[in-house]
Amino acid sequence: MVSRLLAPLLLLCSGCASYVALDVNSTPPGAMVLVRDQVLGTTPTGVLIYETSERMVQVTLEKMGFKPVSVVLTFNAPYATKEEARQKPGRVDRYLKPR
């Protein structure tokens, strides 16, 4: 009974999720990459961002001794699968200024 009730919701939500891949670089390298307050790696790195209904995401780069840098990205056409996203990554290249 429960599975019959959840099935339509799963079908509706399956079209809601999407992925965006980014190649993230900084000068100097070694900055932490944060998305939604979660560390996803250090530059240079590739990250895969899972989106639900959002079309904007803030990427922040932090490195000790340097001012943090944030960029807000808007995605017009995110990809439905991880594989599609990884084939066409976006790029974030930022210069970090010393404090």
C-alpha atoms as a PDB file:
ATOM      1  CA  MET A   1       0.000   0.000   0.000  1.00  0.00           C
ATOM      2  CA  VAL A   2       2.723   2.467   0.922  1.00  0.00           C
ATOM      3  CA  SER A   3       4.696   1.756  -2.242  1.00  0.00           C
ATOM      4  CA  ARG A   4       1.655   2.635  -4.400  1.00  0.00           C
ATOM      5  CA  LEU A   5       1.383   5.970  -2.623  1.00  0.00           C
ATOM      6  CA  LEU A   6       5.090   6.812  -2.942  1.00  0.00           C
ATOM      7  CA  ALA A   7       5.523   5.780  -6.574  1.00  0.00           C
ATOM      8  CA  PRO A   8       3.889   8.928  -8.058  1.00  0.00           C
ATOM      9  CA  LEU A   9       6.009  11.132  -5.772  1.00  0.00           C
ATOM     10  CA  LEU A  10       9.183   9.388  -6.868  1.00  0.00           C
ATOM     11  CA  LEU A  11       8.278   9.896 -10.509  1.00  0.00           C
ATOM     12  CA  LEU A  12       7.615  13.586  -9.937  1.00  0.00           C
ATOM     13  CA  CYS A  13      10.856  14.113  -8.038  1.00  0.00           C
ATOM     14  CA  SER A  14      13.027  12.148 -10.431  1.00  0.00           C
ATOM     15  CA  GLY A  15      12.892  15.071 -12.852  1.00  0.00           C
ATOM     16  CA  CYS A  16      13.789  17.562 -10.116  1.00  0.00           C
ATOM     17  CA  ALA A  17      17.370  16.461  -9.473  1.00  0.00           C
ATOM     18  CA  SER A  18      20.313  17.425 -11.614  1.00  0.00           C
ATOM     19  CA  TYR A  19      24.101  17.555 -11.532  1.00  0.00           C
ATOM     20  CA  VAL A  20      26.727  20.134 -12.377  1.00  0.00           C
ATOM     21  CA  ALA A  21      30.453  19.403 -12.631  1.00  0.00           C
ATOM     22  CA  LEU A  22      33.076  22.097 -12.071  1.00  0.00           C
ATOM     23  CA  ASP A  23      36.834  22.268 -12.515  1.00  0.00           C
ATOM     24  CA  VAL A  24      37.991  24.590  -9.726  1.00  0.00           C
ATOM     25  CA  ASN A  25      41.404  26.277  -9.750  1.00  0.00           C
ATOM     26  CA  SER A  26      43.046  29.000  -7.693  1.00  0.00           C
ATOM     27  CA  THR A  27      46.262  30.979  -7.722  1.00  0.00           C
ATOM     28  CA  PRO A  28      47.962  29.991  -5.502  1.00  0.00           C
ATOM     29  CA  PRO A  29      46.740  26.382  -5.472  1.00  0.00           C
ATOM     30  CA  GLY A  30      45.730  24.587  -2.281  1.00  0.00           C
ATOM     31  CA  ALA A  31      42.580  26.550  -1.414  1.00  0.00           C
ATOM     32  CA  MET A  32      39.665  24.721   0.193  1.00  0.00           C
ATOM     33  CA  VAL A  33      36.602  24.517  -2.059  1.00  0.00           C
ATOM     34  CA  LEU A  34      33.345  24.980  -0.136  1.00  0.00           C
ATOM     35  CA  VAL A  35      29.801  24.542  -1.432  1.00  0.00           C
ATOM     36  CA  ARG A  36      26.908  24.887   1.021  1.00  0.00           C
ATOM     37  CA  ASP A  37      29.415  25.093   3.892  1.00  0.00           C
ATOM     38  CA  GLN A  38      30.880  21.690   2.995  1.00  0.00           C
ATOM     39  CA  VAL A  39      34.503  21.224   1.977  1.00  0.00           C
ATOM     40  CA  LEU A  40      34.573  19.391  -1.354  1.00  0.00           C
ATOM     41  CA  GLY A  41      38.335  19.375  -1.885  1.00  0.00           C
ATOM     42  CA  THR A  42      41.347  21.605  -2.438  1.00  0.00           C
ATOM     43  CA  THR A  43      42.360  23.344  -5.642  1.00  0.00           C
ATOM     44  CA  PRO A  44      42.986  22.260  -8.265  1.00  0.00           C
ATOM     45  CA  THR A  45      40.071  19.851  -8.151  1.00  0.00           C
ATOM     46  CA  GLY A  46      36.965  18.686  -9.922  1.00  0.00           C
ATOM     47  CA  VAL A  47      33.683  18.741  -8.002  1.00  0.00           C
ATOM     48  CA  LEU A  48      30.264  17.301  -8.713  1.00  0.00           C
ATOM     49  CA  ILE A  49      27.360  19.312  -7.322  1.00  0.00           C
ATOM     50  CA  TYR A  50      23.982  17.681  -6.838  1.00  0.00           C
ATOM     51  CA  GLU A  51      21.130  20.131  -7.353  1.00  0.00           C
ATOM     52  CA  THR A  52      17.481  19.739  -6.498  1.00  0.00           C
ATOM     53  CA  SER A  53      15.392  22.687  -7.583  1.00  0.00           C
ATOM     54  CA  GLU A  54      18.116  25.316  -7.144  1.00  0.00           C
ATOM     55  CA  ARG A  55      19.721  26.842 -10.190  1.00  0.00           C
ATOM     56  CA  MET A  56      22.297  28.886  -8.278  1.00  0.00           C
ATOM     57  CA  VAL A  57      25.164  27.785  -6.089  1.00  0.00           C
ATOM     58  CA  GLN A  58      27.856  29.689  -4.190  1.00  0.00           C
ATOM     59  CA  VAL A  59      31.404  28.359  -4.427  1.00  0.00           C
ATOM     60  CA  THR A  60      33.873  29.719  -1.847  1.00  0.00           C
ATOM     61  CA  LEU A  61      37.648  29.359  -1.916  1.00  0.00           C
ATOM     62  CA  GLU A  62      39.556  29.705   1.380  1.00  0.00           C
ATOM     63  CA  LYS A  63      43.282  29.503   2.068  1.00  0.00           C
ATOM     64  CA  MET A  64      45.162  30.493   5.192  1.00  0.00           C
ATOM     65  CA  GLY A  65      46.854  33.876   4.769  1.00  0.00           C
ATOM     66  CA  PHE A  66      44.559  34.874   1.868  1.00  0.00           C
ATOM     67  CA  LYS A  67      41.216  36.629   1.613  1.00  0.00           C
ATOM     68  CA  PRO A  68      38.335  34.224   0.910  1.00  0.00           C
ATOM     69  CA  VAL A  69      36.751  34.485  -2.519  1.00  0.00           C
ATOM     70  CA  SER A  70      33.139  33.567  -3.311  1.00  0.00           C
ATOM     71  CA  VAL A  71      31.424  33.286  -6.653  1.00  0.00           C
ATOM     72  CA  VAL A  72      27.734  32.648  -7.282  1.00  0.00           C
ATOM     73  CA  LEU A  73      27.093  30.472 -10.315  1.00  0.00           C
ATOM     74  CA  THR A  74      23.805  30.184 -12.170  1.00  0.00           C
ATOM     75  CA  PHE A  75      23.121  27.015 -14.116  1.00  0.00           C
ATOM     76  CA  ASN A  76      20.764  27.299 -17.049  1.00  0.00           C
ATOM     77  CA  ALA A  77      20.974  23.680 -18.144  1.00  0.00           C
ATOM     78  CA  PRO A  78      22.189  21.268 -15.462  1.00  0.00           C
ATOM     79  CA  TYR A  79      22.575  17.629 -16.441  1.00  0.00           C
ATOM     80  CA  ALA A  80      20.306  14.745 -15.453  1.00  0.00           C
ATOM     81  CA  THR A  81      23.133  12.287 -14.776  1.00  0.00           C
ATOM     82  CA  LYS A  82      26.595  12.433 -13.221  1.00  0.00           C
ATOM     83  CA  GLU A  83      28.113  11.123 -16.445  1.00  0.00           C
ATOM     84  CA  GLU A  84      26.573  13.920 -18.560  1.00  0.00           C
ATOM     85  CA  ALA A  85      27.771  16.554 -16.094  1.00  0.00           C
ATOM     86  CA  ARG A  86      31.339  15.204 -16.040  1.00  0.00           C
ATOM     87  CA  GLN A  87      31.550  15.342 -19.848  1.00  0.00           C
ATOM     88  CA  LYS A  88      31.028  19.141 -19.871  1.00  0.00           C
ATOM     89  CA  PRO A  89      32.369  20.680 -16.664  1.00  0.00           C
ATOM     90  CA  GLY A  90      32.168  24.375 -15.946  1.00  0.00           C
ATOM     91  CA  ARG A  91      35.234  26.264 -14.711  1.00  0.00           C
ATOM     92  CA  VAL A  92      36.032  28.403 -11.701  1.00  0.00           C
ATOM     93  CA  ASP A  93      39.446  30.129 -11.834  1.00  0.00           C
ATOM     94  CA  ARG A  94      40.193  32.678  -9.113  1.00  0.00           C
ATOM     95  CA  TYR A  95      43.196  34.631  -7.883  1.00  0.00           C
ATOM     96  CA  LEU A  96      43.479  34.807  -4.088  1.00  0.00           C
ATOM     97  CA  LYS A  97      44.755  38.088  -2.621  1.00  0.00           C
ATOM     98  CA  PRO A  98      47.010  38.005   0.447  1.00  0.00           C
ATOM     99  CA  ARG A  99      45.547  39.397   3.683  1.00  0.00           C
END
